[in-house]
Amino acid sequence: MILILLGPPGAGKGTQAALISEKYNIPHISTGDIFRQNIKNKTKLGLEAEGYIHNGLLVPDELTIKIIEERLNEKDCRNGYLLDGFPRTVFQAESLKKYYLGIKEHIDLVFFLEVNLDLVIKRNTGRRICSCCGRCYHVYFTPPKHKDKCDTCGGCLIQRKDDTESVILERLSVYLEQTMPLVDYYVKAKILYKLCGDEEITKVFENMCKIIDNCN
């Protein structure tokens, strides 16, 4: 089973992807996570990607496609996976299509989470990360017990550079211009399902599971 999750930054893709990964025992492959890990470790890939990400821009297609194809060739992907954050352009989608033709596989489902843009900004700018253990919080939805302190280890909570309002607005502009065309692309392929991402996490997950189970 190969799934793709589309939606604006802050639509809840990461949350839903983690739930689906656990329920269906398939790896959650997030380009954002891969890039952030490489940035943290100061790898060549991370240094290349850092400037783009921190300015709200998409990492160039060629670089993104390369790291995704490498990841899909790993053993844990043999029985399926969920792609989160890829493809982000029609060019990437076409490259992915060629990759699947080469290995005689296909995408089963594409989910598109539709979310009010004001809520997208609120979700992104309110995120906080523990600088020590990496635990995630949200100042509106899941705040820590003590302001700016991690409940788990007491570390300081920080806002990621790409979660500031100016960067989020730039990311949304890029998303609307370069990623939204993917919706029509996958509608034409007759594999896209639209879901309301404004709803409660459990409701969105329940709706996704119904579609997945009916597809199998």
N, C-alpha and C. Protein backbone atom coordinates (compact mmCIF):
# COMPACT_ATOMS: atom_id res chain seq x y z
N MET A 1 0.84 -1.20 0.00
CA MET A 1 0.00 0.00 0.00
C MET A 1 0.88 1.25 0.00
N ILE A 2 0.71 2.08 -1.00
CA ILE A 2 1.47 3.33 -1.11
C ILE A 2 0.50 4.50 -1.03
N LEU A 3 0.71 5.36 -0.04
CA LEU A 3 -0.18 6.50 0.21
C LEU A 3 0.61 7.79 0.11
N ILE A 4 -0.09 8.86 -0.30
CA ILE A 4 0.49 10.20 -0.32
C ILE A 4 -0.44 11.13 0.45
N LEU A 5 0.16 12.00 1.26
CA LEU A 5 -0.62 12.96 2.05
C LEU A 5 -0.26 14.37 1.62
N LEU A 6 -1.25 15.10 1.10
CA LEU A 6 -1.07 16.48 0.65
C LEU A 6 -1.82 17.45 1.56
N GLY A 7 -1.36 18.69 1.58
CA GLY A 7 -2.04 19.72 2.35
C GLY A 7 -1.07 20.83 2.68
N PRO A 8 -1.57 22.01 3.05
CA PRO A 8 -0.68 23.13 3.38
C PRO A 8 0.11 22.86 4.65
N PRO A 9 1.19 23.60 4.88
CA PRO A 9 1.93 23.45 6.14
C PRO A 9 1.00 23.74 7.32
N GLY A 10 0.96 22.81 8.29
CA GLY A 10 0.07 22.99 9.42
C GLY A 10 -1.28 22.35 9.24
N ALA A 11 -1.45 21.57 8.17
CA ALA A 11 -2.74 20.92 7.93
C ALA A 11 -2.94 19.70 8.83
N GLY A 12 -1.86 19.26 9.47
CA GLY A 12 -1.95 18.08 10.32
C GLY A 12 -1.45 16.82 9.64
N LYS A 13 -0.69 16.99 8.56
CA LYS A 13 -0.19 15.83 7.82
C LYS A 13 0.68 14.93 8.68
N GLY A 14 1.60 15.53 9.43
CA GLY A 14 2.50 14.75 10.26
C GLY A 14 1.77 13.95 11.32
N THR A 15 0.76 14.56 11.94
CA THR A 15 -0.03 13.88 12.97
C THR A 15 -0.78 12.70 12.39
N GLN A 16 -1.46 12.92 11.27
CA GLN A 16 -2.23 11.85 10.65
C GLN A 16 -1.31 10.76 10.09
N ALA A 17 -0.17 11.16 9.55
CA ALA A 17 0.78 10.19 9.00
C ALA A 17 1.28 9.25 10.09
N ALA A 18 1.56 9.79 11.27
CA ALA A 18 2.04 8.97 12.38
C ALA A 18 0.98 7.96 12.81
N LEU A 19 -0.27 8.38 12.84
CA LEU A 19 -1.37 7.48 13.23
C LEU A 19 -1.56 6.37 12.20
N ILE A 20 -1.50 6.73 10.93
CA ILE A 20 -1.66 5.75 9.86
C ILE A 20 -0.50 4.76 9.85
N SER A 21 0.72 5.29 10.05
CA SER A 21 1.90 4.44 10.10
C SER A 21 1.78 3.37 11.17
N GLU A 22 1.28 3.77 12.33
CA GLU A 22 1.13 2.82 13.43
C GLU A 22 0.03 1.80 13.18
N LYS A 23 -1.10 2.27 12.69
CA LYS A 23 -2.25 1.38 12.48
C LYS A 23 -1.99 0.35 11.38
N TYR A 24 -1.38 0.79 10.28
CA TYR A 24 -1.20 -0.09 9.13
C TYR A 24 0.23 -0.64 9.00
N ASN A 25 1.05 -0.33 9.97
CA ASN A 25 2.42 -0.86 10.04
C ASN A 25 3.22 -0.58 8.76
N ILE A 26 3.20 0.68 8.33
CA ILE A 26 3.99 1.11 7.18
C ILE A 26 4.81 2.33 7.60
N PRO A 27 6.00 2.51 7.04
CA PRO A 27 6.82 3.66 7.44
C PRO A 27 6.25 4.99 6.98
N HIS A 28 6.40 5.99 7.83
CA HIS A 28 6.01 7.36 7.52
C HIS A 28 7.26 8.07 7.00
N ILE A 29 7.25 8.44 5.74
CA ILE A 29 8.42 9.07 5.13
C ILE A 29 8.14 10.55 4.93
N SER A 30 8.79 11.37 5.74
CA SER A 30 8.60 12.82 5.71
C SER A 30 9.86 13.49 5.18
N THR A 31 9.72 14.22 4.09
CA THR A 31 10.89 14.93 3.57
C THR A 31 11.34 16.00 4.56
N GLY A 32 10.38 16.61 5.25
CA GLY A 32 10.73 17.63 6.24
C GLY A 32 11.61 17.05 7.33
N ASP A 33 11.23 15.87 7.84
CA ASP A 33 12.02 15.22 8.89
C ASP A 33 13.42 14.85 8.39
N ILE A 34 13.48 14.34 7.15
CA ILE A 34 14.77 13.96 6.57
C ILE A 34 15.68 15.17 6.45
N PHE A 35 15.13 16.28 5.95
CA PHE A 35 15.94 17.49 5.79
C PHE A 35 16.37 18.05 7.14
N ARG A 36 15.44 18.09 8.12
CA ARG A 36 15.78 18.64 9.43
C ARG A 36 16.87 17.82 10.13
N GLN A 37 16.80 16.49 9.97
CA GLN A 37 17.82 15.63 10.57
C GLN A 37 19.19 15.90 9.95
N ASN A 38 19.19 16.10 8.64
CA ASN A 38 20.45 16.39 7.96
C ASN A 38 20.98 17.77 8.32
N ILE A 39 20.08 18.73 8.54
CA ILE A 39 20.49 20.07 8.96
C ILE A 39 21.11 20.00 10.36
N LYS A 40 20.45 19.25 11.24
CA LYS A 40 20.94 19.09 12.62
C LYS A 40 22.33 18.46 12.63
N ASN A 41 22.53 17.47 11.76
CA ASN A 41 23.82 16.76 11.72
C ASN A 41 24.85 17.44 10.82
N LYS A 42 24.43 18.58 10.23
CA LYS A 42 25.32 19.37 9.37
C LYS A 42 25.94 18.56 8.22
N THR A 43 25.11 17.70 7.61
CA THR A 43 25.57 16.93 6.46
C THR A 43 25.61 17.82 5.23
N LYS A 44 26.18 17.30 4.16
CA LYS A 44 26.22 18.06 2.90
C LYS A 44 24.81 18.37 2.43
N LEU A 45 23.91 17.37 2.51
CA LEU A 45 22.51 17.56 2.12
C LEU A 45 21.86 18.62 3.00
N GLY A 46 22.13 18.55 4.31
CA GLY A 46 21.54 19.51 5.24
C GLY A 46 21.98 20.93 4.97
N LEU A 47 23.25 21.11 4.70
CA LEU A 47 23.77 22.45 4.42
C LEU A 47 23.17 23.00 3.14
N GLU A 48 22.94 22.13 2.16
CA GLU A 48 22.35 22.54 0.89
C GLU A 48 20.89 22.96 1.08
N ALA A 49 20.17 22.18 1.92
CA ALA A 49 18.73 22.41 2.09
C ALA A 49 18.41 23.54 3.05
N GLU A 50 19.30 23.81 4.00
CA GLU A 50 19.01 24.73 5.10
C GLU A 50 18.56 26.11 4.64
N GLY A 51 19.28 26.68 3.70
CA GLY A 51 18.95 28.02 3.23
C GLY A 51 17.56 28.12 2.63
N TYR A 52 17.18 27.09 1.89
CA TYR A 52 15.84 27.09 1.28
C TYR A 52 14.75 26.99 2.35
N ILE A 53 14.89 26.02 3.25
CA ILE A 53 13.85 25.75 4.25
C ILE A 53 13.64 26.93 5.18
N HIS A 54 14.71 27.53 5.67
CA HIS A 54 14.59 28.62 6.63
C HIS A 54 14.04 29.91 6.01
N ASN A 55 13.99 29.95 4.69
CA ASN A 55 13.41 31.11 4.00
C ASN A 55 12.03 30.80 3.42
N GLY A 56 11.49 29.62 3.80
CA GLY A 56 10.15 29.27 3.35
C GLY A 56 10.07 28.78 1.92
N LEU A 57 11.21 28.45 1.33
CA LEU A 57 11.24 28.02 -0.07
C LEU A 57 11.32 26.50 -0.17
N LEU A 58 10.90 25.97 -1.31
CA LEU A 58 11.02 24.54 -1.55
C LEU A 58 12.45 24.17 -1.89
N VAL A 59 12.91 23.05 -1.36
CA VAL A 59 14.22 22.53 -1.74
C VAL A 59 14.12 22.13 -3.22
N PRO A 60 15.14 22.41 -4.04
CA PRO A 60 15.08 22.10 -5.48
C PRO A 60 14.66 20.65 -5.76
N ASP A 61 13.90 20.48 -6.84
CA ASP A 61 13.34 19.17 -7.19
C ASP A 61 14.40 18.07 -7.26
N GLU A 62 15.50 18.36 -7.95
CA GLU A 62 16.51 17.33 -8.18
C GLU A 62 17.06 16.78 -6.85
N LEU A 63 17.29 17.66 -5.89
CA LEU A 63 17.82 17.27 -4.60
C LEU A 63 16.80 16.45 -3.81
N THR A 64 15.54 16.90 -3.84
CA THR A 64 14.48 16.22 -3.12
C THR A 64 14.22 14.82 -3.70
N ILE A 65 14.15 14.73 -5.02
CA ILE A 65 13.90 13.44 -5.69
C ILE A 65 15.00 12.44 -5.36
N LYS A 66 16.23 12.92 -5.34
CA LYS A 66 17.36 12.04 -5.04
C LYS A 66 17.24 11.41 -3.66
N ILE A 67 16.93 12.21 -2.64
CA ILE A 67 16.87 11.66 -1.28
C ILE A 67 15.64 10.77 -1.09
N ILE A 68 14.55 11.06 -1.80
CA ILE A 68 13.35 10.23 -1.70
C ILE A 68 13.59 8.86 -2.33
N GLU A 69 14.16 8.83 -3.51
CA GLU A 69 14.41 7.54 -4.17
C GLU A 69 15.35 6.67 -3.35
N GLU A 70 16.34 7.29 -2.72
CA GLU A 70 17.25 6.55 -1.84
C GLU A 70 16.48 5.95 -0.66
N ARG A 71 15.56 6.74 -0.10
CA ARG A 71 14.78 6.27 1.06
C ARG A 71 13.82 5.14 0.66
N LEU A 72 13.21 5.22 -0.52
CA LEU A 72 12.24 4.21 -0.94
C LEU A 72 12.89 2.87 -1.25
N ASN A 73 14.19 2.86 -1.44
CA ASN A 73 14.90 1.63 -1.72
C ASN A 73 15.32 0.87 -0.46
N GLU A 74 15.01 1.44 0.71
CA GLU A 74 15.35 0.77 1.96
C GLU A 74 14.37 -0.37 2.25
N LYS A 75 14.81 -1.36 3.03
CA LYS A 75 14.06 -2.60 3.25
C LYS A 75 12.67 -2.38 3.85
N ASP A 76 12.51 -1.39 4.74
CA ASP A 76 11.22 -1.22 5.42
C ASP A 76 10.12 -0.72 4.51
N CYS A 77 10.47 -0.37 3.26
CA CYS A 77 9.48 0.15 2.31
C CYS A 77 8.90 -0.94 1.40
N ARG A 78 9.35 -2.17 1.59
CA ARG A 78 8.94 -3.24 0.67
C ARG A 78 7.44 -3.53 0.71
N ASN A 79 6.80 -3.31 1.84
CA ASN A 79 5.36 -3.61 1.95
C ASN A 79 4.49 -2.35 1.95
N GLY A 80 5.08 -1.24 1.49
CA GLY A 80 4.32 -0.01 1.41
C GLY A 80 4.84 1.07 2.34
N TYR A 81 4.30 2.28 2.18
CA TYR A 81 4.74 3.42 2.98
C TYR A 81 3.80 4.59 2.73
N LEU A 82 3.96 5.62 3.54
CA LEU A 82 3.18 6.84 3.38
C LEU A 82 4.15 8.00 3.15
N LEU A 83 3.95 8.73 2.07
CA LEU A 83 4.78 9.89 1.74
C LEU A 83 4.12 11.17 2.25
N ASP A 84 4.86 11.91 3.05
CA ASP A 84 4.38 13.16 3.64
C ASP A 84 5.35 14.27 3.25
N GLY A 85 4.88 15.21 2.42
CA GLY A 85 5.76 16.30 1.98
C GLY A 85 6.39 16.05 0.63
N PHE A 86 6.01 14.95 0.01
CA PHE A 86 6.51 14.63 -1.34
C PHE A 86 5.44 13.81 -2.05
N PRO A 87 5.14 14.16 -3.31
CA PRO A 87 5.70 15.25 -4.10
C PRO A 87 5.11 16.60 -3.70
N ARG A 88 5.84 17.66 -4.04
CA ARG A 88 5.36 19.02 -3.77
C ARG A 88 5.17 19.83 -5.04
N THR A 89 5.57 19.28 -6.16
CA THR A 89 5.38 19.94 -7.46
C THR A 89 4.95 18.88 -8.46
N VAL A 90 4.36 19.33 -9.56
CA VAL A 90 3.95 18.42 -10.63
C VAL A 90 5.18 17.74 -11.22
N PHE A 91 6.29 18.45 -11.30
CA PHE A 91 7.53 17.86 -11.80
C PHE A 91 7.94 16.68 -10.93
N GLN A 92 7.86 16.86 -9.59
CA GLN A 92 8.19 15.77 -8.67
C GLN A 92 7.22 14.60 -8.85
N ALA A 93 5.94 14.92 -9.06
CA ALA A 93 4.94 13.87 -9.26
C ALA A 93 5.22 13.06 -10.51
N GLU A 94 5.63 13.75 -11.58
CA GLU A 94 5.97 13.06 -12.82
C GLU A 94 7.21 12.18 -12.63
N SER A 95 8.18 12.67 -11.88
CA SER A 95 9.39 11.88 -11.60
C SER A 95 9.04 10.65 -10.78
N LEU A 96 8.12 10.82 -9.82
CA LEU A 96 7.69 9.69 -9.00
C LEU A 96 6.96 8.66 -9.86
N LYS A 97 6.15 9.14 -10.79
CA LYS A 97 5.43 8.25 -11.70
C LYS A 97 6.40 7.40 -12.52
N LYS A 98 7.46 8.03 -13.03
CA LYS A 98 8.47 7.31 -13.81
C LYS A 98 9.18 6.28 -12.93
N TYR A 99 9.43 6.64 -11.68
CA TYR A 99 10.09 5.71 -10.75
C TYR A 99 9.23 4.47 -10.56
N TYR A 100 7.92 4.66 -10.38
CA TYR A 100 7.02 3.52 -10.16
C TYR A 100 6.87 2.66 -11.42
N LEU A 101 6.89 3.30 -12.58
CA LEU A 101 6.82 2.53 -13.83
C LEU A 101 8.03 1.61 -13.94
N GLY A 102 9.17 2.11 -13.46
CA GLY A 102 10.39 1.34 -13.54
C GLY A 102 10.41 0.12 -12.64
N ILE A 103 9.69 0.21 -11.52
CA ILE A 103 9.67 -0.93 -10.58
C ILE A 103 8.31 -1.63 -10.56
N LYS A 104 7.42 -1.22 -11.49
CA LYS A 104 6.10 -1.83 -11.65
C LYS A 104 5.26 -1.78 -10.36
N GLU A 105 5.22 -0.59 -9.78
CA GLU A 105 4.36 -0.31 -8.63
C GLU A 105 3.49 0.90 -8.95
N HIS A 106 2.56 1.22 -8.05
CA HIS A 106 1.69 2.37 -8.29
C HIS A 106 1.22 2.96 -6.96
N ILE A 107 0.77 4.21 -7.01
CA ILE A 107 0.21 4.88 -5.84
C ILE A 107 -1.22 4.39 -5.66
N ASP A 108 -1.58 4.01 -4.44
CA ASP A 108 -2.94 3.54 -4.17
C ASP A 108 -3.90 4.69 -3.87
N LEU A 109 -3.51 5.59 -2.98
CA LEU A 109 -4.39 6.68 -2.57
C LEU A 109 -3.61 7.96 -2.32
N VAL A 110 -4.25 9.08 -2.62
CA VAL A 110 -3.71 10.40 -2.28
C VAL A 110 -4.76 11.12 -1.45
N PHE A 111 -4.39 11.56 -0.26
CA PHE A 111 -5.29 12.33 0.60
C PHE A 111 -4.89 13.80 0.57
N PHE A 112 -5.90 14.67 0.43
CA PHE A 112 -5.66 16.11 0.46
C PHE A 112 -6.42 16.70 1.65
N LEU A 113 -5.69 17.24 2.62
CA LEU A 113 -6.30 17.85 3.79
C LEU A 113 -6.54 19.33 3.53
N GLU A 114 -7.80 19.71 3.45
CA GLU A 114 -8.16 21.11 3.24
C GLU A 114 -8.30 21.81 4.59
N VAL A 115 -7.62 22.94 4.77
CA VAL A 115 -7.63 23.65 6.05
C VAL A 115 -7.75 25.15 5.79
N ASN A 116 -8.53 25.84 6.64
CA ASN A 116 -8.66 27.29 6.59
C ASN A 116 -7.27 27.92 6.77
N LEU A 117 -6.90 28.87 5.93
CA LEU A 117 -5.55 29.43 5.96
C LEU A 117 -5.23 30.17 7.26
N ASP A 118 -6.24 30.81 7.89
CA ASP A 118 -6.00 31.46 9.19
C ASP A 118 -5.62 30.42 10.24
N LEU A 119 -6.25 29.26 10.17
CA LEU A 119 -5.93 28.18 11.11
C LEU A 119 -4.53 27.62 10.84
N VAL A 120 -4.15 27.57 9.56
CA VAL A 120 -2.81 27.12 9.19
C VAL A 120 -1.76 27.99 9.86
N ILE A 121 -1.94 29.32 9.79
CA ILE A 121 -0.98 30.25 10.39
C ILE A 121 -0.93 30.05 11.91
N LYS A 122 -2.10 29.91 12.53
CA LYS A 122 -2.17 29.72 13.99
C LYS A 122 -1.48 28.43 14.40
N ARG A 123 -1.71 27.35 13.66
CA ARG A 123 -1.11 26.06 13.98
C ARG A 123 0.41 26.11 13.88
N ASN A 124 0.92 26.78 12.85
CA ASN A 124 2.36 26.80 12.63
C ASN A 124 3.09 27.73 13.60
N THR A 125 2.59 28.94 13.77
CA THR A 125 3.31 29.91 14.60
C THR A 125 3.23 29.56 16.08
N GLY A 126 2.28 28.71 16.47
CA GLY A 126 2.15 28.34 17.88
C GLY A 126 2.98 27.14 18.28
N ARG A 127 3.65 26.50 17.34
CA ARG A 127 4.44 25.31 17.67
C ARG A 127 5.71 25.68 18.43
N ARG A 128 6.04 24.84 19.42
CA ARG A 128 7.27 25.00 20.18
C ARG A 128 7.94 23.64 20.35
N ILE A 129 9.26 23.61 20.30
CA ILE A 129 10.04 22.37 20.39
C ILE A 129 11.00 22.47 21.57
N CYS A 130 11.12 21.39 22.34
CA CYS A 130 12.10 21.37 23.43
C CYS A 130 13.49 21.30 22.83
N SER A 131 14.35 22.22 23.25
CA SER A 131 15.71 22.27 22.70
C SER A 131 16.58 21.12 23.19
N CYS A 132 16.11 20.41 24.22
CA CYS A 132 16.89 19.30 24.77
C CYS A 132 16.42 17.93 24.28
N CYS A 133 15.12 17.61 24.50
CA CYS A 133 14.64 16.27 24.16
C CYS A 133 13.82 16.22 22.87
N GLY A 134 13.45 17.38 22.32
CA GLY A 134 12.73 17.41 21.05
C GLY A 134 11.23 17.27 21.15
N ARG A 135 10.68 17.19 22.37
CA ARG A 135 9.23 17.05 22.52
C ARG A 135 8.52 18.28 21.97
N CYS A 136 7.37 18.04 21.32
CA CYS A 136 6.63 19.14 20.67
C CYS A 136 5.47 19.62 21.55
N TYR A 137 5.24 20.94 21.51
CA TYR A 137 4.12 21.56 22.21
C TYR A 137 3.44 22.56 21.27
N HIS A 138 2.33 23.09 21.74
CA HIS A 138 1.66 24.16 21.00
C HIS A 138 1.07 25.14 22.00
N VAL A 139 1.35 26.42 21.82
CA VAL A 139 0.93 27.41 22.82
C VAL A 139 -0.59 27.52 22.94
N TYR A 140 -1.33 27.14 21.90
CA TYR A 140 -2.79 27.20 21.94
C TYR A 140 -3.43 25.84 22.25
N PHE A 141 -2.92 24.78 21.66
CA PHE A 141 -3.60 23.49 21.72
C PHE A 141 -3.00 22.51 22.74
N THR A 142 -1.69 22.47 22.87
CA THR A 142 -1.05 21.57 23.84
C THR A 142 0.08 22.30 24.56
N PRO A 143 -0.26 23.30 25.36
CA PRO A 143 0.77 24.08 26.04
C PRO A 143 1.46 23.30 27.16
N PRO A 144 2.70 23.68 27.50
CA PRO A 144 3.39 23.02 28.62
C PRO A 144 2.77 23.49 29.94
N LYS A 145 3.05 22.78 31.01
CA LYS A 145 2.53 23.16 32.33
C LYS A 145 3.14 24.48 32.81
N HIS A 146 4.41 24.66 32.46
CA HIS A 146 5.10 25.90 32.83
C HIS A 146 5.59 26.58 31.55
N LYS A 147 5.31 27.85 31.41
CA LYS A 147 5.63 28.59 30.18
C LYS A 147 7.09 28.43 29.78
N ASP A 148 7.28 28.07 28.52
CA ASP A 148 8.60 27.96 27.90
C ASP A 148 9.50 26.88 28.50
N LYS A 149 8.92 25.94 29.28
CA LYS A 149 9.68 24.86 29.87
C LYS A 149 9.07 23.51 29.50
N CYS A 150 9.91 22.55 29.15
CA CYS A 150 9.44 21.22 28.78
C CYS A 150 8.96 20.45 30.01
N ASP A 151 7.79 19.83 29.90
CA ASP A 151 7.24 19.03 31.01
C ASP A 151 8.10 17.80 31.29
N THR A 152 8.76 17.28 30.26
CA THR A 152 9.51 16.04 30.39
C THR A 152 10.89 16.23 31.01
N CYS A 153 11.66 17.19 30.46
CA CYS A 153 13.06 17.33 30.91
C CYS A 153 13.40 18.71 31.46
N GLY A 154 12.46 19.65 31.37
CA GLY A 154 12.73 20.99 31.88
C GLY A 154 13.51 21.87 30.94
N GLY A 155 13.77 21.36 29.73
CA GLY A 155 14.52 22.13 28.74
C GLY A 155 13.74 23.34 28.24
N CYS A 156 14.45 24.28 27.63
CA CYS A 156 13.81 25.48 27.09
C CYS A 156 13.06 25.16 25.79
N LEU A 157 11.87 25.73 25.66
CA LEU A 157 11.10 25.55 24.43
C LEU A 157 11.46 26.65 23.45
N ILE A 158 11.65 26.26 22.21
CA ILE A 158 12.03 27.22 21.18
C ILE A 158 11.06 27.15 20.00
N GLN A 159 11.04 28.21 19.22
CA GLN A 159 10.25 28.25 17.99
C GLN A 159 11.21 28.01 16.83
N ARG A 160 10.88 27.04 15.97
CA ARG A 160 11.73 26.78 14.82
C ARG A 160 11.78 28.01 13.92
N LYS A 161 12.92 28.20 13.25
CA LYS A 161 13.07 29.36 12.37
C LYS A 161 12.03 29.37 11.26
N ASP A 162 11.59 28.17 10.83
CA ASP A 162 10.60 28.11 9.74
C ASP A 162 9.17 28.12 10.25
N ASP A 163 8.96 28.43 11.55
CA ASP A 163 7.61 28.53 12.10
C ASP A 163 7.21 29.97 12.44
N THR A 164 8.01 30.95 12.03
CA THR A 164 7.65 32.35 12.24
C THR A 164 6.62 32.77 11.19
N GLU A 165 5.84 33.80 11.50
CA GLU A 165 4.74 34.19 10.60
C GLU A 165 5.23 34.59 9.21
N SER A 166 6.35 35.31 9.13
CA SER A 166 6.85 35.74 7.81
C SER A 166 7.23 34.55 6.94
N VAL A 167 7.86 33.55 7.56
CA VAL A 167 8.25 32.36 6.81
C VAL A 167 7.02 31.54 6.43
N ILE A 168 6.06 31.45 7.35
CA ILE A 168 4.82 30.69 7.07
C ILE A 168 4.07 31.32 5.89
N LEU A 169 3.98 32.64 5.87
CA LEU A 169 3.29 33.31 4.76
C LEU A 169 4.00 33.05 3.44
N GLU A 170 5.34 33.02 3.47
CA GLU A 170 6.10 32.72 2.26
C GLU A 170 5.87 31.28 1.84
N ARG A 171 5.85 30.36 2.82
CA ARG A 171 5.61 28.94 2.53
C ARG A 171 4.22 28.76 1.92
N LEU A 172 3.24 29.49 2.44
CA LEU A 172 1.87 29.38 1.91
C LEU A 172 1.81 29.90 0.47
N SER A 173 2.54 30.98 0.19
CA SER A 173 2.57 31.53 -1.16
C SER A 173 3.17 30.53 -2.13
N VAL A 174 4.28 29.90 -1.72
CA VAL A 174 4.94 28.88 -2.54
C VAL A 174 4.02 27.67 -2.70
N TYR A 175 3.36 27.29 -1.61
CA TYR A 175 2.44 26.14 -1.63
C TYR A 175 1.32 26.36 -2.63
N LEU A 176 0.68 27.53 -2.57
CA LEU A 176 -0.44 27.80 -3.46
C LEU A 176 -0.01 27.80 -4.93
N GLU A 177 1.19 28.30 -5.18
CA GLU A 177 1.68 28.40 -6.56
C GLU A 177 2.17 27.06 -7.10
N GLN A 178 2.93 26.30 -6.27
CA GLN A 178 3.62 25.12 -6.79
C GLN A 178 3.00 23.79 -6.39
N THR A 179 2.36 23.74 -5.21
CA THR A 179 1.84 22.46 -4.73
C THR A 179 0.36 22.24 -5.02
N MET A 180 -0.44 23.28 -4.97
CA MET A 180 -1.88 23.13 -5.23
C MET A 180 -2.19 22.49 -6.58
N PRO A 181 -1.41 22.74 -7.64
CA PRO A 181 -1.68 22.06 -8.92
C PRO A 181 -1.67 20.54 -8.82
N LEU A 182 -1.04 19.99 -7.78
CA LEU A 182 -1.02 18.53 -7.59
C LEU A 182 -2.41 17.98 -7.32
N VAL A 183 -3.28 18.81 -6.76
CA VAL A 183 -4.65 18.35 -6.48
C VAL A 183 -5.33 17.96 -7.79
N ASP A 184 -5.29 18.85 -8.78
CA ASP A 184 -5.88 18.54 -10.09
C ASP A 184 -5.16 17.37 -10.75
N TYR A 185 -3.85 17.31 -10.58
CA TYR A 185 -3.04 16.24 -11.16
C TYR A 185 -3.53 14.88 -10.69
N TYR A 186 -3.77 14.74 -9.38
CA TYR A 186 -4.19 13.45 -8.84
C TYR A 186 -5.71 13.22 -8.94
N VAL A 187 -6.47 14.30 -9.08
CA VAL A 187 -7.91 14.14 -9.38
C VAL A 187 -8.06 13.48 -10.74
N LYS A 188 -7.27 13.93 -11.70
CA LYS A 188 -7.31 13.35 -13.05
C LYS A 188 -6.89 11.88 -13.04
N ALA A 189 -6.00 11.53 -12.10
CA ALA A 189 -5.56 10.14 -11.98
C ALA A 189 -6.59 9.28 -11.23
N LYS A 190 -7.63 9.95 -10.69
CA LYS A 190 -8.74 9.29 -9.99
C LYS A 190 -8.30 8.53 -8.74
N ILE A 191 -7.33 9.12 -8.01
CA ILE A 191 -6.88 8.48 -6.77
C ILE A 191 -6.87 9.46 -5.60
N LEU A 192 -7.38 10.68 -5.80
CA LEU A 192 -7.34 11.70 -4.74
C LEU A 192 -8.65 11.79 -3.98
N TYR A 193 -8.53 11.89 -2.64
CA TYR A 193 -9.69 12.07 -1.76
C TYR A 193 -9.47 13.34 -0.93
N LYS A 194 -10.46 14.22 -0.93
CA LYS A 194 -10.37 15.45 -0.14
C LYS A 194 -11.01 15.25 1.22
N LEU A 195 -10.32 15.74 2.26
CA LEU A 195 -10.82 15.63 3.62
C LEU A 195 -10.70 16.99 4.30
N CYS A 196 -11.62 17.27 5.22
CA CYS A 196 -11.58 18.53 5.97
C CYS A 196 -10.58 18.41 7.11
N GLY A 197 -9.47 19.13 7.01
CA GLY A 197 -8.44 19.09 8.04
C GLY A 197 -8.74 19.98 9.22
N ASP A 198 -9.86 20.75 9.17
CA ASP A 198 -10.24 21.60 10.30
C ASP A 198 -10.86 20.78 11.43
N GLU A 199 -11.28 19.56 11.13
CA GLU A 199 -11.98 18.74 12.12
C GLU A 199 -11.01 18.18 13.16
N GLU A 200 -11.56 17.57 14.21
CA GLU A 200 -10.75 16.97 15.26
C GLU A 200 -9.84 15.89 14.67
N ILE A 201 -8.68 15.71 15.30
CA ILE A 201 -7.69 14.75 14.82
C ILE A 201 -8.29 13.35 14.66
N THR A 202 -9.06 12.92 15.68
CA THR A 202 -9.63 11.57 15.64
C THR A 202 -10.64 11.41 14.52
N LYS A 203 -11.38 12.48 14.21
CA LYS A 203 -12.38 12.43 13.15
C LYS A 203 -11.71 12.33 11.78
N VAL A 204 -10.68 13.13 11.58
CA VAL A 204 -9.95 13.08 10.30
C VAL A 204 -9.34 11.69 10.11
N PHE A 205 -8.75 11.15 11.17
CA PHE A 205 -8.13 9.82 11.11
C PHE A 205 -9.17 8.75 10.80
N GLU A 206 -10.31 8.84 11.45
CA GLU A 206 -11.39 7.87 11.21
C GLU A 206 -11.83 7.89 9.75
N ASN A 207 -11.97 9.09 9.18
CA ASN A 207 -12.38 9.22 7.78
C ASN A 207 -11.34 8.65 6.83
N MET A 208 -10.07 8.87 7.15
CA MET A 208 -9.00 8.34 6.31
C MET A 208 -8.98 6.81 6.35
N CYS A 209 -9.15 6.24 7.54
CA CYS A 209 -9.13 4.80 7.70
C CYS A 209 -10.25 4.12 6.92
N LYS A 210 -11.42 4.75 6.91
CA LYS A 210 -12.55 4.20 6.16
C LYS A 210 -12.20 4.08 4.68
N ILE A 211 -11.57 5.12 4.16
CA ILE A 211 -11.20 5.12 2.73
C ILE A 211 -10.14 4.07 2.45
N ILE A 212 -9.13 3.99 3.33
CA ILE A 212 -8.05 3.01 3.16
C ILE A 212 -8.62 1.59 3.20
N ASP A 213 -9.48 1.32 4.18
CA ASP A 213 -10.03 -0.03 4.34
C ASP A 213 -10.92 -0.42 3.16
N ASN A 214 -11.64 0.55 2.60
CA ASN A 214 -12.49 0.26 1.44
C ASN A 214 -11.67 0.02 0.18
N CYS A 215 -10.45 0.59 0.18
CA CYS A 215 -9.58 0.45 -0.99
C CYS A 215 -8.92 -0.93 -1.03
N ASN A 216 -8.68 -1.49 0.16
CA ASN A 216 -7.97 -2.78 0.25
C ASN A 216 -8.89 -3.97 -0.08
